[in-house]
PDB file of N, CA and C in Angstrom:
ATOM      1  N   ASP A   1      -4.288  22.597 -25.243  1.00  0.00           N
ATOM      2  CA  ASP A   1      -4.857  21.945 -23.890  1.00  0.00           C
ATOM      3  C   ASP A   1      -5.365  20.696 -24.724  1.00  0.00           C
ATOM      4  N   GLY A   2      -4.685  19.437 -24.199  1.00  0.00           N
ATOM      5  CA  GLY A   2      -4.685  18.261 -25.032  1.00  0.00           C
ATOM      6  C   GLY A   2      -5.289  17.534 -23.795  1.00  0.00           C
ATOM      7  N   LYS A   3      -6.390  16.396 -24.289  1.00  0.00           N
ATOM      8  CA  LYS A   3      -7.152  15.653 -23.789  1.00  0.00           C
ATOM      9  C   LYS A   3      -6.669  14.282 -23.126  1.00  0.00           C
ATOM     10  N   TRP A   4      -6.992  14.037 -21.768  1.00  0.00           N
ATOM     11  CA  TRP A   4      -6.256  13.235 -21.151  1.00  0.00           C
ATOM     12  C   TRP A   4      -6.799  11.255 -21.733  1.00  0.00           C
ATOM     13  N   ILE A   5      -6.308  10.901 -22.140  1.00  0.00           N
ATOM     14  CA  ILE A   5      -6.376   9.652 -22.796  1.00  0.00           C
ATOM     15  C   ILE A   5      -7.190   8.662 -21.175  1.00  0.00           C
ATOM     16  N   CYS A   6      -6.593   8.586 -19.695  1.00  0.00           N
ATOM     17  CA  CYS A   6      -6.681   7.649 -19.101  1.00  0.00           C
ATOM     18  C   CYS A   6      -7.861   8.579 -18.324  1.00  0.00           C
ATOM     19  N   LYS A   7      -8.798   9.674 -18.728  1.00  0.00           N
ATOM     20  CA  LYS A   7      -9.926  10.443 -18.036  1.00  0.00           C
ATOM     21  C   LYS A   7     -10.877   9.702 -17.631  1.00  0.00           C
ATOM     22  N   ASP A   8     -11.025   8.514 -18.203  1.00  0.00           N
ATOM     23  CA  ASP A   8     -12.334   7.553 -17.834  1.00  0.00           C
ATOM     24  C   ASP A   8     -11.865   6.731 -17.001  1.00  0.00           C
ATOM     25  N   LEU A   9     -10.897   6.773 -16.383  1.00  0.00           N
ATOM     26  CA  LEU A   9      -9.997   6.079 -15.289  1.00  0.00           C
ATOM     27  C   LEU A   9     -11.073   4.967 -14.569  1.00  0.00           C
ATOM     28  N   LYS A  10     -11.500   4.070 -14.255  1.00  0.00           N
ATOM     29  CA  LYS A  10     -11.992   3.318 -13.236  1.00  0.00           C
ATOM     30  C   LYS A  10     -11.280   3.047 -12.188  1.00  0.00           C
ATOM     31  N   THR A  11     -10.189   2.323 -12.348  1.00  0.00           N
ATOM     32  CA  THR A  11      -9.878   1.469 -11.502  1.00  0.00           C
ATOM     33  C   THR A  11      -8.591   2.031 -11.295  1.00  0.00           C
ATOM     34  N   LEU A  12      -7.659   2.379 -10.390  1.00  0.00           N
ATOM     35  CA  LEU A  12      -6.501   3.025 -10.109  1.00  0.00           C
ATOM     36  C   LEU A  12      -5.414   1.779  -9.022  1.00  0.00           C
ATOM     37  N   ARG A  13      -4.206   1.408  -9.146  1.00  0.00           N
ATOM     38  CA  ARG A  13      -3.690   0.917  -8.340  1.00  0.00           C
ATOM     39  C   ARG A  13      -2.021   1.828  -8.196  1.00  0.00           C
ATOM     40  N   ILE A  14      -1.877   2.362  -7.477  1.00  0.00           N
ATOM     41  CA  ILE A  14      -0.599   2.780  -7.543  1.00  0.00           C
ATOM     42  C   ILE A  14       0.145   3.663  -6.047  1.00  0.00           C
ATOM     43  N   ARG A  15       1.346   3.347  -6.208  1.00  0.00           N
ATOM     44  CA  ARG A  15       1.766   3.630  -4.819  1.00  0.00           C
ATOM     45  C   ARG A  15       2.662   5.131  -5.208  1.00  0.00           C
ATOM     46  N   ILE A  16       2.899   6.077  -4.058  1.00  0.00           N
ATOM     47  CA  ILE A  16       2.711   7.116  -4.241  1.00  0.00           C
ATOM     48  C   ILE A  16       4.073   8.359  -3.228  1.00  0.00           C
ATOM     49  N   LYS A  17       5.279   8.119  -3.829  1.00  0.00           N
ATOM     50  CA  LYS A  17       6.057   8.740  -2.873  1.00  0.00           C
ATOM     51  C   LYS A  17       5.693   9.914  -1.956  1.00  0.00           C
ATOM     52  N   ASP A  18       6.052   9.170  -0.847  1.00  0.00           N
ATOM     53  CA  ASP A  18       6.064  10.480   0.439  1.00  0.00           C
ATOM     54  C   ASP A  18       4.338   9.816   0.888  1.00  0.00           C
ATOM     55  N   LEU A  19       3.344   9.253   0.211  1.00  0.00           N
ATOM     56  CA  LEU A  19       2.030   8.699   0.671  1.00  0.00           C
ATOM     57  C   LEU A  19       2.149   7.112   1.291  1.00  0.00           C
ATOM     58  N   ASP A  20       3.382   7.266   2.190  1.00  0.00           N
ATOM     59  CA  ASP A  20       3.842   5.736   3.107  1.00  0.00           C
ATOM     60  C   ASP A  20       3.392   5.127   3.868  1.00  0.00           C
ATOM     61  N   THR A  21       2.479   5.945   4.540  1.00  0.00           N
ATOM     62  CA  THR A  21       2.150   5.224   6.088  1.00  0.00           C
ATOM     63  C   THR A  21       0.534   5.464   6.024  1.00  0.00           C
ATOM     64  N   LYS A  22       0.034   4.214   6.985  1.00  0.00           N
ATOM     65  CA  LYS A  22      -1.607   3.914   6.646  1.00  0.00           C
ATOM     66  C   LYS A  22      -2.187   5.396   7.278  1.00  0.00           C
ATOM     67  N   GLU A  23      -1.858   5.718   7.999  1.00  0.00           N
ATOM     68  CA  GLU A  23      -2.337   7.305   8.281  1.00  0.00           C
ATOM     69  C   GLU A  23      -2.180   8.482   7.136  1.00  0.00           C
ATOM     70  N   LYS A  24      -1.300   8.422   6.552  1.00  0.00           N
ATOM     71  CA  LYS A  24      -1.391   9.323   5.260  1.00  0.00           C
ATOM     72  C   LYS A  24      -2.375   8.867   4.238  1.00  0.00           C
ATOM     73  N   ILE A  25      -2.147   7.270   4.237  1.00  0.00           N
ATOM     74  CA  ILE A  25      -3.127   7.052   2.707  1.00  0.00           C
ATOM     75  C   ILE A  25      -4.660   7.069   3.079  1.00  0.00           C
ATOM     76  N   LEU A  26      -4.880   6.961   4.355  1.00  0.00           N
ATOM     77  CA  LEU A  26      -6.265   7.102   4.727  1.00  0.00           C
ATOM     78  C   LEU A  26      -6.725   8.274   4.644  1.00  0.00           C
ATOM     79  N   LYS A  27      -5.996   9.100   5.349  1.00  0.00           N
ATOM     80  CA  LYS A  27      -6.263  10.817   5.179  1.00  0.00           C
ATOM     81  C   LYS A  27      -6.779  11.408   4.018  1.00  0.00           C
ATOM     82  N   ALA A  28      -5.929  10.623   2.448  1.00  0.00           N
ATOM     83  CA  ALA A  28      -6.040  11.245   1.197  1.00  0.00           C
ATOM     84  C   ALA A  28      -7.241  10.157   0.952  1.00  0.00           C
ATOM     85  N   ILE A  29      -7.474   9.019   1.056  1.00  0.00           N
ATOM     86  CA  ILE A  29      -9.107   8.459   0.990  1.00  0.00           C
ATOM     87  C   ILE A  29     -10.090   9.161   1.691  1.00  0.00           C
ATOM     88  N   ALA A  30      -9.790   9.658   2.505  1.00  0.00           N
ATOM     89  CA  ALA A  30     -11.266  10.584   3.226  1.00  0.00           C
ATOM     90  C   ALA A  30     -11.661  11.657   2.523  1.00  0.00           C
ATOM     91  N   LEU A  31     -10.382  12.404   2.239  1.00  0.00           N
ATOM     92  CA  LEU A  31     -10.525  13.415   1.612  1.00  0.00           C
ATOM     93  C   LEU A  31     -10.995  13.407   0.217  1.00  0.00           C
ATOM     94  N   TRP A  32     -10.813  12.368  -0.892  1.00  0.00           N
ATOM     95  CA  TRP A  32     -11.090  11.914  -1.887  1.00  0.00           C
ATOM     96  C   TRP A  32     -12.811  11.507  -1.803  1.00  0.00           C
ATOM     97  N   ARG A  33     -12.734  10.737  -0.499  1.00  0.00           N
ATOM     98  CA  ARG A  33     -14.448  10.589  -0.766  1.00  0.00           C
ATOM     99  C   ARG A  33     -15.194  11.798  -0.115  1.00  0.00           C
ATOM    100  N   LYS A  34     -15.163  12.285   0.217  1.00  0.00           N
ATOM    101  CA  LYS A  34     -15.421  13.924   0.725  1.00  0.00           C
ATOM    102  C   LYS A  34     -15.672  14.674  -0.733  1.00  0.00           C
ATOM    103  N   GLY A  35     -14.565  14.582  -1.770  1.00  0.00           N
ATOM    104  CA  GLY A  35     -14.771  15.848  -2.407  1.00  0.00           C
ATOM    105  C   GLY A  35     -15.836  14.665  -3.495  1.00  0.00           C
ATOM    106  N   CYS A  36     -15.806  13.361  -3.364  1.00  0.00           N
ATOM    107  CA  CYS A  36     -16.886  12.632  -4.573  1.00  0.00           C
ATOM    108  C   CYS A  36     -18.132  12.826  -3.867  1.00  0.00           C
ATOM    109  N   TRP A  37     -18.761  13.079  -2.353  1.00  0.00           N
ATOM    110  CA  TRP A  37     -19.714  13.262  -1.856  1.00  0.00           C
ATOM    111  C   TRP A  37     -20.575  14.508  -2.386  1.00  0.00           C
ATOM    112  N   ARG A  38     -19.588  15.200  -2.204  1.00  0.00           N
ATOM    113  CA  ARG A  38     -19.566  16.736  -2.593  1.00  0.00           C
ATOM    114  C   ARG A  38     -20.214  17.461  -3.938  1.00  0.00           C
ATOM    115  N   ARG A  39     -19.049  16.589  -4.777  1.00  0.00           N
ATOM    116  CA  ARG A  39     -19.337  16.314  -6.548  1.00  0.00           C
ATOM    117  C   ARG A  39     -21.252  15.950  -6.677  1.00  0.00           C
ATOM    118  N   TRP A  40     -21.214  14.839  -6.020  1.00  0.00           N
ATOM    119  CA  TRP A  40     -22.781  14.391  -6.372  1.00  0.00           C
ATOM    120  C   TRP A  40     -23.823  14.582  -5.761  1.00  0.00           C
ATOM    121  N   ARG A  41     -23.629  15.536  -4.475  1.00  0.00           N
ATOM    122  CA  ARG A  41     -24.603  16.744  -3.841  1.00  0.00           C
ATOM    123  C   ARG A  41     -24.588  17.732  -4.917  1.00  0.00           C
ATOM    124  N   GLU A  42     -23.399  18.356  -5.270  1.00  0.00           N
ATOM    125  CA  GLU A  42     -23.919  19.435  -6.233  1.00  0.00           C
ATOM    126  C   GLU A  42     -24.720  18.940  -7.677  1.00  0.00           C
ATOM    127  N   GLN A  43     -24.206  18.087  -8.057  1.00  0.00           N
ATOM    128  CA  GLN A  43     -25.037  17.228  -9.497  1.00  0.00           C
ATOM    129  C   GLN A  43     -26.328  17.071  -9.364  1.00  0.00           C
ATOM    130  N   ALA A  44     -26.778  16.565  -8.010  1.00  0.00           N
ATOM    131  CA  ALA A  44     -27.951  16.332  -7.609  1.00  0.00           C
ATOM    132  C   ALA A  44     -29.096  17.969  -7.351  1.00  0.00           C
ATOM    133  N   GLY A  45     -28.154  18.568  -7.107  1.00  0.00           N
ATOM    134  CA  GLY A  45     -29.327  19.904  -6.886  1.00  0.00           C
ATOM    135  C   GLY A  45     -29.222  19.988  -5.216  1.00  0.00           C
ATOM    136  N   THR A  46     -28.556  19.376  -4.778  1.00  0.00           N
ATOM    137  CA  THR A  46     -28.466  19.708  -3.169  1.00  0.00           C
ATOM    138  C   THR A  46     -27.554  20.418  -2.509  1.00  0.00           C
ATOM    139  N   PRO A  47     -28.412  21.493  -1.891  1.00  0.00           N
ATOM    140  CA  PRO A  47     -27.750  23.128  -1.776  1.00  0.00           C
ATOM    141  C   PRO A  47     -25.984  22.199  -0.518  1.00  0.00           C
ATOM    142  N   VAL A  48     -24.811  22.326  -0.872  1.00  0.00           N
ATOM    143  CA  VAL A  48     -23.438  21.643  -0.196  1.00  0.00           C
ATOM    144  C   VAL A  48     -23.169  23.484   0.192  1.00  0.00           C
ATOM    145  N   GLY A  49     -22.630  23.067   1.723  1.00  0.00           N
ATOM    146  CA  GLY A  49     -22.012  23.959   2.124  1.00  0.00           C
ATOM    147  C   GLY A  49     -20.601  23.862   2.136  1.00  0.00           C
ATOM    148  N   GLU A  50     -19.983  24.836   2.803  1.00  0.00           N
ATOM    149  CA  GLU A  50     -18.323  24.674   2.929  1.00  0.00           C
ATOM    150  C   GLU A  50     -17.518  23.695   3.384  1.00  0.00           C
ATOM    151  N   GLU A  51     -18.876  22.993   3.950  1.00  0.00           N
ATOM    152  CA  GLU A  51     -17.783  22.108   4.877  1.00  0.00           C
ATOM    153  C   GLU A  51     -17.067  20.841   4.111  1.00  0.00           C
ATOM    154  N   GLY A  52     -18.063  20.592   2.854  1.00  0.00           N
ATOM    155  CA  GLY A  52     -17.243  19.629   1.983  1.00  0.00           C
ATOM    156  C   GLY A  52     -16.127  19.875   0.989  1.00  0.00           C
ATOM    157  N   ARG A  53     -15.805  21.161   0.905  1.00  0.00           N
ATOM    158  CA  ARG A  53     -14.808  21.637  -0.082  1.00  0.00           C
ATOM    159  C   ARG A  53     -13.652  21.621   0.634  1.00  0.00           C
ATOM    160  N   LEU A  54     -13.054  20.833  -0.726  1.00  0.00           N
ATOM    161  CA  LEU A  54     -10.985  20.619  -0.080  1.00  0.00           C
ATOM    162  C   LEU A  54     -10.515  22.189  -0.118  1.00  0.00           C
ATOM    163  N   ASP A  55      -9.733  22.232   0.699  1.00  0.00           N
ATOM    164  CA  ASP A  55      -9.001  23.577   1.037  1.00  0.00           C
ATOM    165  C   ASP A  55      -8.020  23.508  -0.128  1.00  0.00           C
ATOM    166  N   GLU A  56      -7.865  24.372  -1.155  1.00  0.00           N
ATOM    167  CA  GLU A  56      -6.870  24.361  -2.073  1.00  0.00           C
ATOM    168  C   GLU A  56      -5.672  24.979  -1.998  1.00  0.00           C
ATOM    169  N   THR A  57      -5.560  25.311  -0.559  1.00  0.00           N
ATOM    170  CA  THR A  57      -4.313  25.771  -0.406  1.00  0.00           C
ATOM    171  C   THR A  57      -3.343  24.648   0.516  1.00  0.00           C
ATOM    172  N   ASP A  58      -4.319  23.968   0.499  1.00  0.00           N
ATOM    173  CA  ASP A  58      -3.669  22.965   1.907  1.00  0.00           C
ATOM    174  C   ASP A  58      -2.371  21.792   0.148  1.00  0.00           C
ATOM    175  N   MET A  59      -1.353  22.090   1.141  1.00  0.00           N
ATOM    176  CA  MET A  59      -0.225  21.322   0.014  1.00  0.00           C
ATOM    177  C   MET A  59       0.282  19.970   0.704  1.00  0.00           C
ATOM    178  N   SER A  60      -0.457  19.638   1.438  1.00  0.00           N
ATOM    179  CA  SER A  60       0.240  17.896   2.107  1.00  0.00           C
ATOM    180  C   SER A  60      -0.301  17.208   1.142  1.00  0.00           C
ATOM    181  N   ILE A  61       0.286  16.218   0.975  1.00  0.00           N
ATOM    182  CA  ILE A  61       0.561  15.005   0.091  1.00  0.00           C
ATOM    183  C   ILE A  61      -0.292  14.544   0.066  1.00  0.00           C
ATOM    184  N   GLU A  62      -1.310  14.154   1.416  1.00  0.00           N
ATOM    185  CA  GLU A  62      -2.364  13.886   1.167  1.00  0.00           C
ATOM    186  C   GLU A  62      -3.398  14.485   0.489  1.00  0.00           C
ATOM    187  N   ALA A  63      -3.521  15.991   0.609  1.00  0.00           N
ATOM    188  CA  ALA A  63      -4.595  16.489  -0.215  1.00  0.00           C
ATOM    189  C   ALA A  63      -4.735  16.733  -1.764  1.00  0.00           C
ATOM    190  N   ARG A  64      -2.845  16.781  -2.126  1.00  0.00           N
ATOM    191  CA  ARG A  64      -2.807  16.688  -2.958  1.00  0.00           C
ATOM    192  C   ARG A  64      -2.999  15.817  -4.276  1.00  0.00           C
ATOM    193  N   VAL A  65      -2.932  14.269  -3.511  1.00  0.00           N
ATOM    194  CA  VAL A  65      -3.466  12.972  -3.836  1.00  0.00           C
ATOM    195  C   VAL A  65      -5.025  13.256  -4.245  1.00  0.00           C
ATOM    196  N   ALA A  66      -5.639  13.947  -3.077  1.00  0.00           N
ATOM    197  CA  ALA A  66      -7.159  13.643  -3.136  1.00  0.00           C
ATOM    198  C   ALA A  66      -7.856  14.719  -4.405  1.00  0.00           C
ATOM    199  N   ARG A  67      -6.733  15.477  -4.426  1.00  0.00           N
ATOM    200  CA  ARG A  67      -7.481  16.538  -5.898  1.00  0.00           C
ATOM    201  C   ARG A  67      -6.896  16.083  -6.855  1.00  0.00           C
ATOM    202  N   HIS A  68      -5.953  15.427  -7.178  1.00  0.00           N
ATOM    203  CA  HIS A  68      -5.808  14.657  -8.633  1.00  0.00           C
ATOM    204  C   HIS A  68      -6.777  13.928  -8.474  1.00  0.00           C
ATOM    205  N   LEU A  69      -6.751  12.942  -7.455  1.00  0.00           N
ATOM    206  CA  LEU A  69      -7.821  11.507  -7.886  1.00  0.00           C
ATOM    207  C   LEU A  69      -9.562  12.276  -8.321  1.00  0.00           C
ATOM    208  N   LEU A  70     -10.255  13.262  -7.801  1.00  0.00           N
ATOM    209  CA  LEU A  70     -11.048  13.791  -7.997  1.00  0.00           C
ATOM    210  C   LEU A  70     -10.974  14.615  -9.553  1.00  0.00           C
ATOM    211  N   LYS A  71      -9.847  14.516 -10.469  1.00  0.00           N
ATOM    212  CA  LYS A  71     -10.040  14.935 -11.576  1.00  0.00           C
ATOM    213  C   LYS A  71     -10.616  14.109 -12.584  1.00  0.00           C
ATOM    214  N   PHE A  72     -10.654  12.544 -11.996  1.00  0.00           N
ATOM    215  CA  PHE A  72     -11.084  11.329 -12.611  1.00  0.00           C
ATOM    216  C   PHE A  72     -12.353  10.698 -12.480  1.00  0.00           C
ATOM    217  N   HIS A  73     -13.494  11.519 -12.895  1.00  0.00           N
ATOM    218  CA  HIS A  73     -14.729  11.372 -12.318  1.00  0.00           C
ATOM    219  C   HIS A  73     -15.492  10.275 -12.392  1.00  0.00           C
ATOM    220  N   LYS A  74     -14.691   9.271 -13.076  1.00  0.00           N
ATOM    221  CA  LYS A  74     -15.383   7.712 -13.344  1.00  0.00           C
ATOM    222  C   LYS A  74     -14.577   6.782 -12.182  1.00  0.00           C
ATOM    223  N   LEU A  75     -13.159   7.469 -11.778  1.00  0.00           N
ATOM    224  CA  LEU A  75     -12.853   6.403 -10.560  1.00  0.00           C
ATOM    225  C   LEU A  75     -13.814   5.918  -9.633  1.00  0.00           C
ATOM    226  N   TRP A  76     -13.774   4.519  -9.769  1.00  0.00           N
ATOM    227  CA  TRP A  76     -14.294   3.548  -8.550  1.00  0.00           C
ATOM    228  C   TRP A  76     -13.652   2.849  -7.547  1.00  0.00           C
ATOM    229  N   LYS A  77     -12.203   2.663  -7.989  1.00  0.00           N
ATOM    230  CA  LYS A  77     -11.520   1.712  -7.145  1.00  0.00           C
ATOM    231  C   LYS A  77     -10.569   2.147  -6.916  1.00  0.00           C
ATOM    232  N   VAL A  78      -9.698   2.440  -6.209  1.00  0.00           N
ATOM    233  CA  VAL A  78      -8.383   3.120  -5.911  1.00  0.00           C
ATOM    234  C   VAL A  78      -7.577   2.453  -4.493  1.00  0.00           C
ATOM    235  N   TRP A  79      -6.445   1.986  -4.966  1.00  0.00           N
ATOM    236  CA  TRP A  79      -5.464   0.924  -4.378  1.00  0.00           C
ATOM    237  C   TRP A  79      -4.195   2.223  -3.785  1.00  0.00           C
ATOM    238  N   LEU A  80      -3.955   2.733  -2.925  1.00  0.00           N
ATOM    239  CA  LEU A  80      -2.812   3.625  -2.414  1.00  0.00           C
ATOM    240  C   LEU A  80      -1.373   2.611  -1.782  1.00  0.00           C
ATOM    241  N   GLY A  81      -1.616   1.390  -1.669  1.00  0.00           N
ATOM    242  CA  GLY A  81      -0.816   0.522  -0.835  1.00  0.00           C
ATOM    243  C   GLY A  81      -1.183   0.099   0.443  1.00  0.00           C
ATOM    244  N   TYR A  82      -2.621   0.699   0.938  1.00  0.00           N
ATOM    245  CA  TYR A  82      -3.167  -0.388   1.821  1.00  0.00           C
ATOM    246  C   TYR A  82      -4.839  -0.467   1.457  1.00  0.00           C
ATOM    247  N   GLN A  83      -5.358  -1.737   0.927  1.00  0.00           N
ATOM    248  CA  GLN A  83      -6.671  -2.060   0.597  1.00  0.00           C
ATOM    249  C   GLN A  83      -6.878  -0.780  -0.614  1.00  0.00           C
ATOM    250  N   THR A  84      -7.984  -1.635  -0.884  1.00  0.00           N
ATOM    251  CA  THR A  84      -8.907  -1.089  -2.424  1.00  0.00           C
ATOM    252  C   THR A  84      -9.912  -0.178  -1.540  1.00  0.00           C
ATOM    253  N   TRP A  85     -10.208   0.903  -2.270  1.00  0.00           N
ATOM    254  CA  TRP A  85     -11.563   1.868  -1.597  1.00  0.00           C
ATOM    255  C   TRP A  85     -12.231   2.503  -2.813  1.00  0.00           C
ATOM    256  N   ASN A  86     -12.988   2.258  -2.543  1.00  0.00           N
ATOM    257  CA  ASN A  86     -14.273   3.229  -3.629  1.00  0.00           C
ATOM    258  C   ASN A  86     -14.721   4.231  -2.962  1.00  0.00           C
ATOM    259  N   PRO A  87     -15.492   5.111  -3.694  1.00  0.00           N
ATOM    260  CA  PRO A  87     -15.848   6.508  -3.128  1.00  0.00           C
ATOM    261  C   PRO A  87     -17.382   6.335  -1.922  1.00  0.00           C
ATOM    262  N   ILE A  88     -17.608   5.526  -1.699  1.00  0.00           N
ATOM    263  CA  ILE A  88     -18.622   5.818  -0.905  1.00  0.00           C
ATOM    264  C   ILE A  88     -18.709   4.303   0.090  1.00  0.00           C
TER     265      ILE A  88
END
């Protein structure tokens, strides 16, 4: 199992095929932010219910992008083709 060289990525600017509308980009960002919020709450020891959990069976492009972004724990700025976003 090799380590990702880019695991500490803090800024990401990328266009993704099929993530090509403002609505899709906003949904992916919303899912990423929700996942970040959940992770921070868990790290703080705050009880977290099921409401913040990403659906692992959701295979939409938005959900797949959000799950991938969540692998970068230090990621702070994301541009997917519409505005630059941060997790808060």
